[in-house]
PDB file of all heavy atoms in Angstrom:
ATOM      1  N   ILE A   1     -28.151 -28.293 -14.366  1.00  0.00           N
ATOM      2  CA  ILE A   1     -28.664 -29.548 -14.913  1.00  0.00           C
ATOM      3  C   ILE A   1     -27.520 -30.542 -15.248  1.00  0.00           C
ATOM      4  O   ILE A   1     -27.690 -31.726 -15.148  1.00  0.00           O
ATOM      5  CB  ILE A   1     -29.541 -29.308 -16.143  1.00  0.00           C
ATOM      6  CG1 ILE A   1     -30.329 -30.565 -16.505  1.00  0.00           C
ATOM      7  CG2 ILE A   1     -28.759 -28.811 -17.316  1.00  0.00           C
ATOM      8  CD1 ILE A   1     -31.456 -30.360 -17.485  1.00  0.00           C
ATOM      9  N   TYR A   2     -26.373 -29.999 -15.589  1.00  0.00           N
ATOM     10  CA  TYR A   2     -25.282 -30.860 -16.001  1.00  0.00           C
ATOM     11  C   TYR A   2     -24.456 -31.351 -14.835  1.00  0.00           C
ATOM     12  O   TYR A   2     -23.678 -32.340 -14.980  1.00  0.00           O
ATOM     13  CB  TYR A   2     -24.348 -30.117 -16.971  1.00  0.00           C
ATOM     14  CG  TYR A   2     -25.082 -29.625 -18.199  1.00  0.00           C
ATOM     15  CD1 TYR A   2     -25.413 -28.305 -18.356  1.00  0.00           C
ATOM     16  CD2 TYR A   2     -25.488 -30.540 -19.185  1.00  0.00           C
ATOM     17  CE1 TYR A   2     -26.091 -27.853 -19.486  1.00  0.00           C
ATOM     18  CE2 TYR A   2     -26.200 -30.116 -20.298  1.00  0.00           C
ATOM     19  CZ  TYR A   2     -26.492 -28.775 -20.429  1.00  0.00           C
ATOM     20  OH  TYR A   2     -27.205 -28.353 -21.534  1.00  0.00           O
ATOM     21  N   ARG A   3     -24.545 -30.724 -13.679  1.00  0.00           N
ATOM     22  CA  ARG A   3     -23.693 -31.087 -12.545  1.00  0.00           C
ATOM     23  C   ARG A   3     -23.921 -32.513 -12.085  1.00  0.00           C
ATOM     24  O   ARG A   3     -23.026 -33.117 -11.494  1.00  0.00           O
ATOM     25  CB  ARG A   3     -23.972 -30.125 -11.366  1.00  0.00           C
ATOM     26  CG  ARG A   3     -23.482 -28.738 -11.597  1.00  0.00           C
ATOM     27  CD  ARG A   3     -23.774 -27.869 -10.380  1.00  0.00           C
ATOM     28  NE  ARG A   3     -24.109 -26.531 -10.871  1.00  0.00           N
ATOM     29  CZ  ARG A   3     -24.888 -25.665 -10.279  1.00  0.00           C
ATOM     30  NH1 ARG A   3     -25.429 -25.966  -9.126  1.00  0.00           N
ATOM     31  NH2 ARG A   3     -25.141 -24.493 -10.810  1.00  0.00           N
ATOM     32  N   GLN A   4     -25.113 -33.066 -12.328  1.00  0.00           N
ATOM     33  CA  GLN A   4     -25.443 -34.399 -11.847  1.00  0.00           C
ATOM     34  C   GLN A   4     -24.829 -35.483 -12.735  1.00  0.00           C
ATOM     35  O   GLN A   4     -24.782 -36.643 -12.300  1.00  0.00           O
ATOM     36  CB  GLN A   4     -26.962 -34.566 -11.768  1.00  0.00           C
ATOM     37  CG  GLN A   4     -27.645 -34.429 -13.106  1.00  0.00           C
ATOM     38  CD  GLN A   4     -29.137 -34.412 -12.950  1.00  0.00           C
ATOM     39  OE1 GLN A   4     -29.685 -34.959 -12.044  1.00  0.00           O
ATOM     40  NE2 GLN A   4     -29.807 -33.725 -13.907  1.00  0.00           N
ATOM     41  N   PHE A   5     -24.414 -35.149 -13.899  1.00  0.00           N
ATOM     42  CA  PHE A   5     -23.903 -36.180 -14.846  1.00  0.00           C
ATOM     43  C   PHE A   5     -22.412 -36.461 -14.578  1.00  0.00           C
ATOM     44  O   PHE A   5     -21.620 -35.524 -14.325  1.00  0.00           O
ATOM     45  CB  PHE A   5     -24.071 -35.705 -16.270  1.00  0.00           C
ATOM     46  CG  PHE A   5     -25.529 -35.601 -16.687  1.00  0.00           C
ATOM     47  CD1 PHE A   5     -26.083 -34.349 -16.975  1.00  0.00           C
ATOM     48  CD2 PHE A   5     -26.356 -36.705 -16.752  1.00  0.00           C
ATOM     49  CE1 PHE A   5     -27.387 -34.233 -17.330  1.00  0.00           C
ATOM     50  CE2 PHE A   5     -27.670 -36.594 -17.113  1.00  0.00           C
ATOM     51  CZ  PHE A   5     -28.206 -35.364 -17.407  1.00  0.00           C
ATOM     52  N   PRO A   6     -22.037 -37.722 -14.740  1.00  0.00           N
ATOM     53  CA  PRO A   6     -20.626 -38.067 -14.614  1.00  0.00           C
ATOM     54  C   PRO A   6     -19.850 -37.348 -15.704  1.00  0.00           C
ATOM     55  O   PRO A   6     -20.317 -37.144 -16.835  1.00  0.00           O
ATOM     56  CB  PRO A   6     -20.574 -39.586 -14.843  1.00  0.00           C
ATOM     57  CG  PRO A   6     -21.967 -40.047 -14.802  1.00  0.00           C
ATOM     58  CD  PRO A   6     -22.855 -38.855 -15.030  1.00  0.00           C
ATOM     59  N   GLY A   7     -18.657 -36.922 -15.399  1.00  0.00           N
ATOM     60  CA  GLY A   7     -17.847 -36.243 -16.361  1.00  0.00           C
ATOM     61  C   GLY A   7     -17.999 -34.731 -16.386  1.00  0.00           C
ATOM     62  O   GLY A   7     -17.320 -34.056 -17.142  1.00  0.00           O
ATOM     63  N   PHE A   8     -18.936 -34.184 -15.618  1.00  0.00           N
ATOM     64  CA  PHE A   8     -19.177 -32.746 -15.608  1.00  0.00           C
ATOM     65  C   PHE A   8     -17.837 -32.020 -15.286  1.00  0.00           C
ATOM     66  O   PHE A   8     -17.477 -31.081 -15.995  1.00  0.00           O
ATOM     67  CB  PHE A   8     -20.226 -32.327 -14.603  1.00  0.00           C
ATOM     68  CG  PHE A   8     -20.348 -30.827 -14.416  1.00  0.00           C
ATOM     69  CD1 PHE A   8     -20.923 -30.054 -15.387  1.00  0.00           C
ATOM     70  CD2 PHE A   8     -19.841 -30.256 -13.249  1.00  0.00           C
ATOM     71  CE1 PHE A   8     -21.035 -28.666 -15.203  1.00  0.00           C
ATOM     72  CE2 PHE A   8     -19.982 -28.882 -13.070  1.00  0.00           C
ATOM     73  CZ  PHE A   8     -20.544 -28.080 -14.037  1.00  0.00           C
ATOM     74  N   GLY A   9     -17.175 -32.466 -14.265  1.00  0.00           N
ATOM     75  CA  GLY A   9     -15.924 -31.822 -13.867  1.00  0.00           C
ATOM     76  C   GLY A   9     -14.894 -31.874 -14.983  1.00  0.00           C
ATOM     77  O   GLY A   9     -14.255 -30.884 -15.292  1.00  0.00           O
ATOM     78  N   TYR A  10     -14.756 -33.023 -15.586  1.00  0.00           N
ATOM     79  CA  TYR A  10     -13.750 -33.175 -16.640  1.00  0.00           C
ATOM     80  C   TYR A  10     -14.133 -32.406 -17.903  1.00  0.00           C
ATOM     81  O   TYR A  10     -13.342 -31.645 -18.451  1.00  0.00           O
ATOM     82  CB  TYR A  10     -13.548 -34.645 -16.973  1.00  0.00           C
ATOM     83  CG  TYR A  10     -12.718 -34.870 -18.184  1.00  0.00           C
ATOM     84  CD1 TYR A  10     -11.326 -34.661 -18.127  1.00  0.00           C
ATOM     85  CD2 TYR A  10     -13.288 -35.228 -19.416  1.00  0.00           C
ATOM     86  CE1 TYR A  10     -10.531 -34.860 -19.268  1.00  0.00           C
ATOM     87  CE2 TYR A  10     -12.490 -35.398 -20.538  1.00  0.00           C
ATOM     88  CZ  TYR A  10     -11.139 -35.214 -20.455  1.00  0.00           C
ATOM     89  OH  TYR A  10     -10.382 -35.391 -21.564  1.00  0.00           O
ATOM     90  N   LEU A  11     -15.355 -32.555 -18.363  1.00  0.00           N
ATOM     91  CA  LEU A  11     -15.741 -32.016 -19.651  1.00  0.00           C
ATOM     92  C   LEU A  11     -15.969 -30.505 -19.583  1.00  0.00           C
ATOM     93  O   LEU A  11     -15.608 -29.797 -20.529  1.00  0.00           O
ATOM     94  CB  LEU A  11     -17.055 -32.670 -20.121  1.00  0.00           C
ATOM     95  CG  LEU A  11     -16.911 -34.107 -20.552  1.00  0.00           C
ATOM     96  CD1 LEU A  11     -18.300 -34.700 -20.855  1.00  0.00           C
ATOM     97  CD2 LEU A  11     -16.048 -34.282 -21.747  1.00  0.00           C
ATOM     98  N   ILE A  12     -16.489 -30.026 -18.488  1.00  0.00           N
ATOM     99  CA  ILE A  12     -16.793 -28.570 -18.403  1.00  0.00           C
ATOM    100  C   ILE A  12     -15.740 -27.829 -17.614  1.00  0.00           C
ATOM    101  O   ILE A  12     -15.110 -26.914 -18.159  1.00  0.00           O
ATOM    102  CB  ILE A  12     -18.187 -28.341 -17.743  1.00  0.00           C
ATOM    103  CG1 ILE A  12     -19.286 -29.083 -18.495  1.00  0.00           C
ATOM    104  CG2 ILE A  12     -18.493 -26.845 -17.656  1.00  0.00           C
ATOM    105  CD1 ILE A  12     -19.503 -28.697 -19.933  1.00  0.00           C
ATOM    106  N   LEU A  13     -15.529 -28.237 -16.370  1.00  0.00           N
ATOM    107  CA  LEU A  13     -14.632 -27.477 -15.530  1.00  0.00           C
ATOM    108  C   LEU A  13     -13.169 -27.602 -15.931  1.00  0.00           C
ATOM    109  O   LEU A  13     -12.417 -26.608 -15.956  1.00  0.00           O
ATOM    110  CB  LEU A  13     -14.835 -27.885 -14.056  1.00  0.00           C
ATOM    111  CG  LEU A  13     -16.268 -27.750 -13.555  1.00  0.00           C
ATOM    112  CD1 LEU A  13     -16.354 -28.165 -12.085  1.00  0.00           C
ATOM    113  CD2 LEU A  13     -16.768 -26.301 -13.725  1.00  0.00           C
ATOM    114  N   ASP A  14     -12.721 -28.802 -16.246  1.00  0.00           N
ATOM    115  CA  ASP A  14     -11.325 -28.970 -16.635  1.00  0.00           C
ATOM    116  C   ASP A  14     -10.997 -28.388 -17.986  1.00  0.00           C
ATOM    117  O   ASP A  14      -9.861 -28.051 -18.307  1.00  0.00           O
ATOM    118  CB  ASP A  14     -10.938 -30.457 -16.582  1.00  0.00           C
ATOM    119  CG  ASP A  14     -10.936 -31.021 -15.160  1.00  0.00           C
ATOM    120  OD1 ASP A  14     -10.929 -30.209 -14.221  1.00  0.00           O
ATOM    121  OD2 ASP A  14     -10.942 -32.273 -15.035  1.00  0.00           O
ATOM    122  N   SER A  15     -12.027 -28.264 -18.839  1.00  0.00           N
ATOM    123  CA  SER A  15     -11.780 -27.682 -20.168  1.00  0.00           C
ATOM    124  C   SER A  15     -11.383 -26.213 -20.045  1.00  0.00           C
ATOM    125  O   SER A  15     -10.629 -25.674 -20.887  1.00  0.00           O
ATOM    126  CB  SER A  15     -13.020 -27.837 -21.071  1.00  0.00           C
ATOM    127  OG  SER A  15     -14.064 -27.047 -20.573  1.00  0.00           O
ATOM    128  N   LEU A  16     -11.815 -25.549 -19.023  1.00  0.00           N
ATOM    129  CA  LEU A  16     -11.417 -24.157 -18.777  1.00  0.00           C
ATOM    130  C   LEU A  16      -9.908 -24.106 -18.534  1.00  0.00           C
ATOM    131  O   LEU A  16      -9.198 -23.263 -19.045  1.00  0.00           O
ATOM    132  CB  LEU A  16     -12.174 -23.552 -17.620  1.00  0.00           C
ATOM    133  CG  LEU A  16     -13.694 -23.395 -17.829  1.00  0.00           C
ATOM    134  CD1 LEU A  16     -14.372 -23.064 -16.474  1.00  0.00           C
ATOM    135  CD2 LEU A  16     -13.915 -22.236 -18.806  1.00  0.00           C
ATOM    136  N   ALA A  17      -9.440 -25.030 -17.717  1.00  0.00           N
ATOM    137  CA  ALA A  17      -8.015 -25.086 -17.418  1.00  0.00           C
ATOM    138  C   ALA A  17      -7.181 -25.431 -18.613  1.00  0.00           C
ATOM    139  O   ALA A  17      -6.093 -24.885 -18.864  1.00  0.00           O
ATOM    140  CB  ALA A  17      -7.728 -26.101 -16.298  1.00  0.00           C
ATOM    141  N   LEU A  18      -7.716 -26.316 -19.474  1.00  0.00           N
ATOM    142  CA  LEU A  18      -6.996 -26.647 -20.736  1.00  0.00           C
ATOM    143  C   LEU A  18      -6.875 -25.425 -21.654  1.00  0.00           C
ATOM    144  O   LEU A  18      -5.921 -25.366 -22.407  1.00  0.00           O
ATOM    145  CB  LEU A  18      -7.707 -27.824 -21.413  1.00  0.00           C
ATOM    146  CG  LEU A  18      -7.657 -29.164 -20.714  1.00  0.00           C
ATOM    147  CD1 LEU A  18      -8.521 -30.179 -21.409  1.00  0.00           C
ATOM    148  CD2 LEU A  18      -6.200 -29.662 -20.613  1.00  0.00           C
ATOM    149  N   GLY A  19      -7.781 -24.527 -21.519  1.00  0.00           N
ATOM    150  CA  GLY A  19      -7.746 -23.315 -22.301  1.00  0.00           C
ATOM    151  C   GLY A  19      -7.028 -22.178 -21.570  1.00  0.00           C
ATOM    152  O   GLY A  19      -7.127 -21.012 -21.983  1.00  0.00           O
ATOM    153  N   ASN A  20      -6.277 -22.529 -20.515  1.00  0.00           N
ATOM    154  CA  ASN A  20      -5.570 -21.510 -19.702  1.00  0.00           C
ATOM    155  C   ASN A  20      -6.480 -20.419 -19.183  1.00  0.00           C
ATOM    156  O   ASN A  20      -6.118 -19.281 -19.140  1.00  0.00           O
ATOM    157  CB  ASN A  20      -4.404 -20.938 -20.453  1.00  0.00           C
ATOM    158  CG  ASN A  20      -3.277 -21.917 -20.633  1.00  0.00           C
ATOM    159  OD1 ASN A  20      -2.940 -22.650 -19.707  1.00  0.00           O
ATOM    160  ND2 ASN A  20      -2.681 -21.939 -21.800  1.00  0.00           N
ATOM    161  N   MET A  21      -7.654 -20.818 -18.773  1.00  0.00           N
ATOM    162  CA  MET A  21      -8.616 -19.896 -18.186  1.00  0.00           C
ATOM    163  C   MET A  21      -8.799 -20.279 -16.710  1.00  0.00           C
ATOM    164  O   MET A  21      -9.431 -21.268 -16.401  1.00  0.00           O
ATOM    165  CB  MET A  21      -9.976 -19.962 -18.902  1.00  0.00           C
ATOM    166  CG  MET A  21      -9.896 -19.644 -20.373  1.00  0.00           C
ATOM    167  SD  MET A  21      -9.519 -17.910 -20.630  1.00  0.00           S
ATOM    168  CE  MET A  21     -11.015 -17.389 -21.372  1.00  0.00           C
ATOM    169  N   PHE A  22      -8.172 -19.489 -15.831  1.00  0.00           N
ATOM    170  CA  PHE A  22      -8.214 -19.799 -14.409  1.00  0.00           C
ATOM    171  C   PHE A  22      -8.894 -18.665 -13.622  1.00  0.00           C
ATOM    172  O   PHE A  22      -9.627 -18.926 -12.694  1.00  0.00           O
ATOM    173  CB  PHE A  22      -6.841 -20.053 -13.871  1.00  0.00           C
ATOM    174  CG  PHE A  22      -6.130 -21.199 -14.530  1.00  0.00           C
ATOM    175  CD1 PHE A  22      -5.187 -20.967 -15.524  1.00  0.00           C
ATOM    176  CD2 PHE A  22      -6.439 -22.488 -14.152  1.00  0.00           C
ATOM    177  CE1 PHE A  22      -4.580 -22.037 -16.143  1.00  0.00           C
ATOM    178  CE2 PHE A  22      -5.815 -23.562 -14.786  1.00  0.00           C
ATOM    179  CZ  PHE A  22      -4.840 -23.336 -15.773  1.00  0.00           C
ATOM    180  N   PHE A  23      -8.582 -17.429 -13.930  1.00  0.00           N
ATOM    181  CA  PHE A  23      -9.165 -16.275 -13.252  1.00  0.00           C
ATOM    182  C   PHE A  23      -9.213 -16.493 -11.753  1.00  0.00           C
ATOM    183  O   PHE A  23     -10.250 -16.548 -11.141  1.00  0.00           O
ATOM    184  CB  PHE A  23     -10.514 -15.909 -13.803  1.00  0.00           C
ATOM    185  CG  PHE A  23     -10.498 -15.502 -15.266  1.00  0.00           C
ATOM    186  CD1 PHE A  23     -10.857 -16.388 -16.248  1.00  0.00           C
ATOM    187  CD2 PHE A  23     -10.079 -14.242 -15.621  1.00  0.00           C
ATOM    188  CE1 PHE A  23     -10.827 -16.030 -17.593  1.00  0.00           C
ATOM    189  CE2 PHE A  23     -10.025 -13.867 -16.977  1.00  0.00           C
ATOM    190  CZ  PHE A  23     -10.425 -14.759 -17.964  1.00  0.00           C
ATOM    191  N   ARG A  24      -8.047 -16.609 -11.147  1.00  0.00           N
ATOM    192  CA  ARG A  24      -7.892 -16.984  -9.722  1.00  0.00           C
ATOM    193  C   ARG A  24      -7.958 -15.782  -8.799  1.00  0.00           C
ATOM    194  O   ARG A  24      -6.962 -15.355  -8.246  1.00  0.00           O
ATOM    195  CB  ARG A  24      -6.591 -17.726  -9.537  1.00  0.00           C
ATOM    196  CG  ARG A  24      -6.513 -19.036 -10.219  1.00  0.00           C
ATOM    197  CD  ARG A  24      -5.161 -19.720  -9.923  1.00  0.00           C
ATOM    198  NE  ARG A  24      -5.068 -20.989 -10.554  1.00  0.00           N
ATOM    199  CZ  ARG A  24      -4.136 -21.275 -11.486  1.00  0.00           C
ATOM    200  NH1 ARG A  24      -3.263 -20.400 -11.850  1.00  0.00           N
ATOM    201  NH2 ARG A  24      -4.131 -22.493 -12.050  1.00  0.00           N
ATOM    202  N   ASN A  25      -9.130 -15.253  -8.637  1.00  0.00           N
ATOM    203  CA  ASN A  25      -9.293 -14.143  -7.636  1.00  0.00           C
ATOM    204  C   ASN A  25      -8.797 -14.565  -6.289  1.00  0.00           C
ATOM    205  O   ASN A  25      -8.119 -13.755  -5.597  1.00  0.00           O
ATOM    206  CB  ASN A  25     -10.733 -13.742  -7.540  1.00  0.00           C
ATOM    207  CG  ASN A  25     -11.199 -12.849  -8.651  1.00  0.00           C
ATOM    208  OD1 ASN A  25     -10.478 -12.075  -9.188  1.00  0.00           O
ATOM    209  ND2 ASN A  25     -12.483 -12.982  -8.990  1.00  0.00           N
ATOM    210  N   ASP A  26      -9.075 -15.796  -5.859  1.00  0.00           N
ATOM    211  CA  ASP A  26      -8.680 -16.245  -4.542  1.00  0.00           C
ATOM    212  C   ASP A  26      -7.186 -16.238  -4.352  1.00  0.00           C
ATOM    213  O   ASP A  26      -6.691 -15.873  -3.282  1.00  0.00           O
ATOM    214  CB  ASP A  26      -9.291 -17.610  -4.221  1.00  0.00           C
ATOM    215  CG  ASP A  26      -9.078 -18.670  -5.273  1.00  0.00           C
ATOM    216  OD1 ASP A  26      -8.478 -18.388  -6.340  1.00  0.00           O
ATOM    217  OD2 ASP A  26      -9.530 -19.804  -5.052  1.00  0.00           O
ATOM    218  N   GLU A  27      -6.430 -16.592  -5.382  1.00  0.00           N
ATOM    219  CA  GLU A  27      -4.944 -16.561  -5.266  1.00  0.00           C
ATOM    220  C   GLU A  27      -4.429 -15.112  -5.415  1.00  0.00           C
ATOM    221  O   GLU A  27      -3.467 -14.757  -4.736  1.00  0.00           O
ATOM    222  CB  GLU A  27      -4.329 -17.474  -6.320  1.00  0.00           C
ATOM    223  CG  GLU A  27      -4.620 -18.927  -6.105  1.00  0.00           C
ATOM    224  CD  GLU A  27      -4.136 -19.451  -4.778  1.00  0.00           C
ATOM    225  OE1 GLU A  27      -2.988 -19.104  -4.364  1.00  0.00           O
ATOM    226  OE2 GLU A  27      -4.878 -20.205  -4.105  1.00  0.00           O
ATOM    227  N   ASN A  28      -5.024 -14.351  -6.254  1.00  0.00           N
ATOM    228  CA  ASN A  28      -4.573 -12.989  -6.478  1.00  0.00           C
ATOM    229  C   ASN A  28      -4.745 -12.094  -5.256  1.00  0.00           C
ATOM    230  O   ASN A  28      -3.833 -11.299  -4.928  1.00  0.00           O
ATOM    231  CB  ASN A  28      -5.272 -12.383  -7.702  1.00  0.00           C
ATOM    232  CG  ASN A  28      -4.875 -13.049  -9.009  1.00  0.00           C
ATOM    233  OD1 ASN A  28      -3.793 -13.657  -9.101  1.00  0.00           O
ATOM    234  ND2 ASN A  28      -5.710 -12.958  -9.974  1.00  0.00           N
ATOM    235  N   VAL A  29      -5.863 -12.201  -4.591  1.00  0.00           N
ATOM    236  CA  VAL A  29      -6.118 -11.307  -3.444  1.00  0.00           C
ATOM    237  C   VAL A  29      -5.161 -11.619  -2.276  1.00  0.00           C
ATOM    238  O   VAL A  29      -4.939 -10.777  -1.403  1.00  0.00           O
ATOM    239  CB  VAL A  29      -7.576 -11.311  -2.974  1.00  0.00           C
ATOM    240  CG1 VAL A  29      -8.506 -10.792  -4.062  1.00  0.00           C
ATOM    241  CG2 VAL A  29      -8.019 -12.643  -2.412  1.00  0.00           C
ATOM    242  N   LYS A  30      -4.594 -12.797  -2.247  1.00  0.00           N
ATOM    243  CA  LYS A  30      -3.635 -13.177  -1.212  1.00  0.00           C
ATOM    244  C   LYS A  30      -2.360 -12.369  -1.307  1.00  0.00           C
ATOM    245  O   LYS A  30      -1.635 -12.234  -0.348  1.00  0.00           O
ATOM    246  CB  LYS A  30      -3.314 -14.678  -1.281  1.00  0.00           C
ATOM    247  CG  LYS A  30      -4.407 -15.604  -0.865  1.00  0.00           C
ATOM    248  CD  LYS A  30      -3.960 -17.032  -1.039  1.00  0.00           C
ATOM    249  CE  LYS A  30      -5.049 -18.014  -0.711  1.00  0.00           C
ATOM    250  NZ  LYS A  30      -4.612 -19.406  -0.931  1.00  0.00           N
ATOM    251  N   VAL A  31      -2.113 -11.851  -2.490  1.00  0.00           N
ATOM    252  CA  VAL A  31      -0.864 -11.100  -2.757  1.00  0.00           C
ATOM    253  C   VAL A  31      -1.049  -9.620  -2.664  1.00  0.00           C
ATOM    254  O   VAL A  31      -0.146  -8.867  -2.358  1.00  0.00           O
ATOM    255  CB  VAL A  31      -0.330 -11.529  -4.166  1.00  0.00           C
ATOM    256  CG1 VAL A  31       0.901 -10.740  -4.554  1.00  0.00           C
ATOM    257  CG2 VAL A  31      -0.077 -13.014  -4.239  1.00  0.00           C
ATOM    258  N   LEU A  32      -2.268  -9.124  -2.980  1.00  0.00           N
ATOM    259  CA  LEU A  32      -2.499  -7.694  -3.058  1.00  0.00           C
ATOM    260  C   LEU A  32      -2.355  -7.027  -1.678  1.00  0.00           C
ATOM    261  O   LEU A  32      -2.557  -7.629  -0.653  1.00  0.00           O
ATOM    262  CB  LEU A  32      -3.902  -7.426  -3.588  1.00  0.00           C
ATOM    263  CG  LEU A  32      -4.215  -7.918  -4.986  1.00  0.00           C
ATOM    264  CD1 LEU A  32      -5.634  -7.551  -5.375  1.00  0.00           C
ATOM    265  CD2 LEU A  32      -3.221  -7.395  -5.991  1.00  0.00           C
ATOM    266  N   ALA A  33      -1.963  -5.760  -1.728  1.00  0.00           N
ATOM    267  CA  ALA A  33      -1.814  -4.913  -0.534  1.00  0.00           C
ATOM    268  C   ALA A  33      -2.671  -3.665  -0.612  1.00  0.00           C
ATOM    269  O   ALA A  33      -2.813  -2.964   0.374  1.00  0.00           O
ATOM    270  CB  ALA A  33      -0.352  -4.598  -0.297  1.00  0.00           C
ATOM    271  N   CYS A  34      -3.185  -3.312  -1.802  1.00  0.00           N
ATOM    272  CA  CYS A  34      -3.976  -2.112  -1.962  1.00  0.00           C
ATOM    273  C   CYS A  34      -5.360  -2.287  -1.390  1.00  0.00           C
ATOM    274  O   CYS A  34      -5.817  -3.408  -1.104  1.00  0.00           O
ATOM    275  CB  CYS A  34      -4.103  -1.755  -3.451  1.00  0.00           C
ATOM    276  SG  CYS A  34      -5.038  -2.991  -4.425  1.00  0.00           S
ATOM    277  N   PRO A  35      -6.056  -1.180  -1.120  1.00  0.00           N
ATOM    278  CA  PRO A  35      -7.433  -1.321  -0.636  1.00  0.00           C
ATOM    279  C   PRO A  35      -8.280  -2.134  -1.591  1.00  0.00           C
ATOM    280  O   PRO A  35      -8.178  -2.031  -2.802  1.00  0.00           O
ATOM    281  CB  PRO A  35      -7.930   0.155  -0.601  1.00  0.00           C
ATOM    282  CG  PRO A  35      -6.693   0.956  -0.415  1.00  0.00           C
ATOM    283  CD  PRO A  35      -5.634   0.229  -1.187  1.00  0.00           C
ATOM    284  N   LEU A  36      -9.085  -3.017  -1.009  1.00  0.00           N
ATOM    285  CA  LEU A  36      -9.965  -3.905  -1.770  1.00  0.00           C
ATOM    286  C   LEU A  36     -11.381  -3.813  -1.261  1.00  0.00           C
ATOM    287  O   LEU A  36     -11.656  -4.001  -0.073  1.00  0.00           O
ATOM    288  CB  LEU A  36      -9.434  -5.355  -1.575  1.00  0.00           C
ATOM    289  CG  LEU A  36     -10.233  -6.465  -2.243  1.00  0.00           C
ATOM    290  CD1 LEU A  36     -10.212  -6.393  -3.761  1.00  0.00           C
ATOM    291  CD2 LEU A  36      -9.707  -7.836  -1.802  1.00  0.00           C
ATOM    292  N   LEU A  37     -12.279  -3.519  -2.206  1.00  0.00           N
ATOM    293  CA  LEU A  37     -13.698  -3.438  -1.876  1.00  0.00           C
ATOM    294  C   LEU A  37     -14.436  -4.504  -2.705  1.00  0.00           C
ATOM    295  O   LEU A  37     -14.329  -4.539  -3.930  1.00  0.00           O
ATOM    296  CB  LEU A  37     -14.248  -2.048  -2.228  1.00  0.00           C
ATOM    297  CG  LEU A  37     -15.754  -1.835  -2.094  1.00  0.00           C
ATOM    298  CD1 LEU A  37     -16.222  -2.055  -0.642  1.00  0.00           C
ATOM    299  CD2 LEU A  37     -16.146  -0.439  -2.563  1.00  0.00           C
ATOM    300  N   ILE A  38     -15.148  -5.346  -2.020  1.00  0.00           N
ATOM    301  CA  ILE A  38     -15.936  -6.405  -2.656  1.00  0.00           C
ATOM    302  C   ILE A  38     -17.417  -6.081  -2.481  1.00  0.00           C
ATOM    303  O   ILE A  38     -17.874  -5.879  -1.358  1.00  0.00           O
ATOM    304  CB  ILE A  38     -15.598  -7.786  -2.067  1.00  0.00           C
ATOM    305  CG1 ILE A  38     -14.120  -8.098  -2.298  1.00  0.00           C
ATOM    306  CG2 ILE A  38     -16.492  -8.863  -2.647  1.00  0.00           C
ATOM    307  CD1 ILE A  38     -13.627  -9.365  -1.597  1.00  0.00           C
ATOM    308  N   LEU A  39     -18.120  -6.037  -3.602  1.00  0.00           N
ATOM    309  CA  LEU A  39     -19.560  -5.726  -3.620  1.00  0.00           C
ATOM    310  C   LEU A  39     -20.348  -6.933  -4.129  1.00  0.00           C
ATOM    311  O   LEU A  39     -19.987  -7.506  -5.144  1.00  0.00           O
ATOM    312  CB  LEU A  39     -19.825  -4.513  -4.577  1.00  0.00           C
ATOM    313  CG  LEU A  39     -18.999  -3.267  -4.346  1.00  0.00           C
ATOM    314  CD1 LEU A  39     -19.213  -2.280  -5.468  1.00  0.00           C
ATOM    315  CD2 LEU A  39     -19.340  -2.632  -3.011  1.00  0.00           C
ATOM    316  N   HIS A  40     -21.432  -7.280  -3.453  1.00  0.00           N
ATOM    317  CA  HIS A  40     -22.246  -8.423  -3.952  1.00  0.00           C
ATOM    318  C   HIS A  40     -23.688  -8.172  -3.516  1.00  0.00           C
ATOM    319  O   HIS A  40     -23.974  -7.761  -2.395  1.00  0.00           O
ATOM    320  CB  HIS A  40     -21.733  -9.715  -3.332  1.00  0.00           C
ATOM    321  CG  HIS A  40     -21.783 -10.831  -4.297  1.00  0.00           C
ATOM    322  ND1 HIS A  40     -20.612 -11.488  -4.693  1.00  0.00           N
ATOM    323  CD2 HIS A  40     -22.778 -11.410  -4.959  1.00  0.00           C
ATOM    324  CE1 HIS A  40     -20.941 -12.436  -5.581  1.00  0.00           C
ATOM    325  NE2 HIS A  40     -22.234 -12.407  -5.749  1.00  0.00           N
ATOM    326  N   ALA A  41     -24.595  -8.467  -4.401  1.00  0.00           N
ATOM    327  CA  ALA A  41     -26.050  -8.415  -4.103  1.00  0.00           C
ATOM    328  C   ALA A  41     -26.485  -9.755  -3.582  1.00  0.00           C
ATOM    329  O   ALA A  41     -26.096 -10.792  -4.103  1.00  0.00           O
ATOM    330  CB  ALA A  41     -26.814  -8.045  -5.368  1.00  0.00           C
ATOM    331  N   GLU A  42     -27.298  -9.694  -2.553  1.00  0.00           N
ATOM    332  CA  GLU A  42     -27.815 -10.934  -1.939  1.00  0.00           C
ATOM    333  C   GLU A  42     -28.694 -11.746  -2.919  1.00  0.00           C
ATOM    334  O   GLU A  42     -28.849 -12.951  -2.784  1.00  0.00           O
ATOM    335  CB  GLU A  42     -28.622 -10.618  -0.671  1.00  0.00           C
ATOM    336  CG  GLU A  42     -27.752 -10.141   0.482  1.00  0.00           C
ATOM    337  CD  GLU A  42     -26.726 -11.170   0.981  1.00  0.00           C
ATOM    338  OE1 GLU A  42     -26.977 -12.384   0.853  1.00  0.00           O
ATOM    339  OE2 GLU A  42     -25.679 -10.739   1.480  1.00  0.00           O
ATOM    340  N   ASP A  43     -29.268 -11.060  -3.948  1.00  0.00           N
ATOM    341  CA  ASP A  43     -30.110 -11.768  -4.875  1.00  0.00           C
ATOM    342  C   ASP A  43     -29.421 -12.043  -6.200  1.00  0.00           C
ATOM    343  O   ASP A  43     -30.051 -12.234  -7.235  1.00  0.00           O
ATOM    344  CB  ASP A  43     -31.424 -10.950  -5.121  1.00  0.00           C
ATOM    345  CG  ASP A  43     -31.167  -9.600  -5.717  1.00  0.00           C
ATOM    346  OD1 ASP A  43     -30.082  -9.016  -5.536  1.00  0.00           O
ATOM    347  OD2 ASP A  43     -32.065  -9.054  -6.375  1.00  0.00           O
ATOM    348  N   ASP A  44     -28.098 -12.120  -6.164  1.00  0.00           N
ATOM    349  CA  ASP A  44     -27.336 -12.475  -7.384  1.00  0.00           C
ATOM    350  C   ASP A  44     -27.612 -13.914  -7.754  1.00  0.00           C
ATOM    351  O   ASP A  44     -27.239 -14.824  -7.023  1.00  0.00           O
ATOM    352  CB  ASP A  44     -25.848 -12.237  -7.124  1.00  0.00           C
ATOM    353  CG  ASP A  44     -24.988 -12.365  -8.383  1.00  0.00           C
ATOM    354  OD1 ASP A  44     -25.406 -13.107  -9.280  1.00  0.00           O
ATOM    355  OD2 ASP A  44     -23.945 -11.695  -8.424  1.00  0.00           O
TER     356      ASP A  44
END
């Protein structure tokens, strides 16, 4: 519901970065060399 409002990116998404919350799975997996198993349900 909030995605349509101006400022959503700044107020919600950027506030995570200001709190040093990034959780960059995409960057981390680029470095890993161990076996990696990703599980996802189609109805998530």
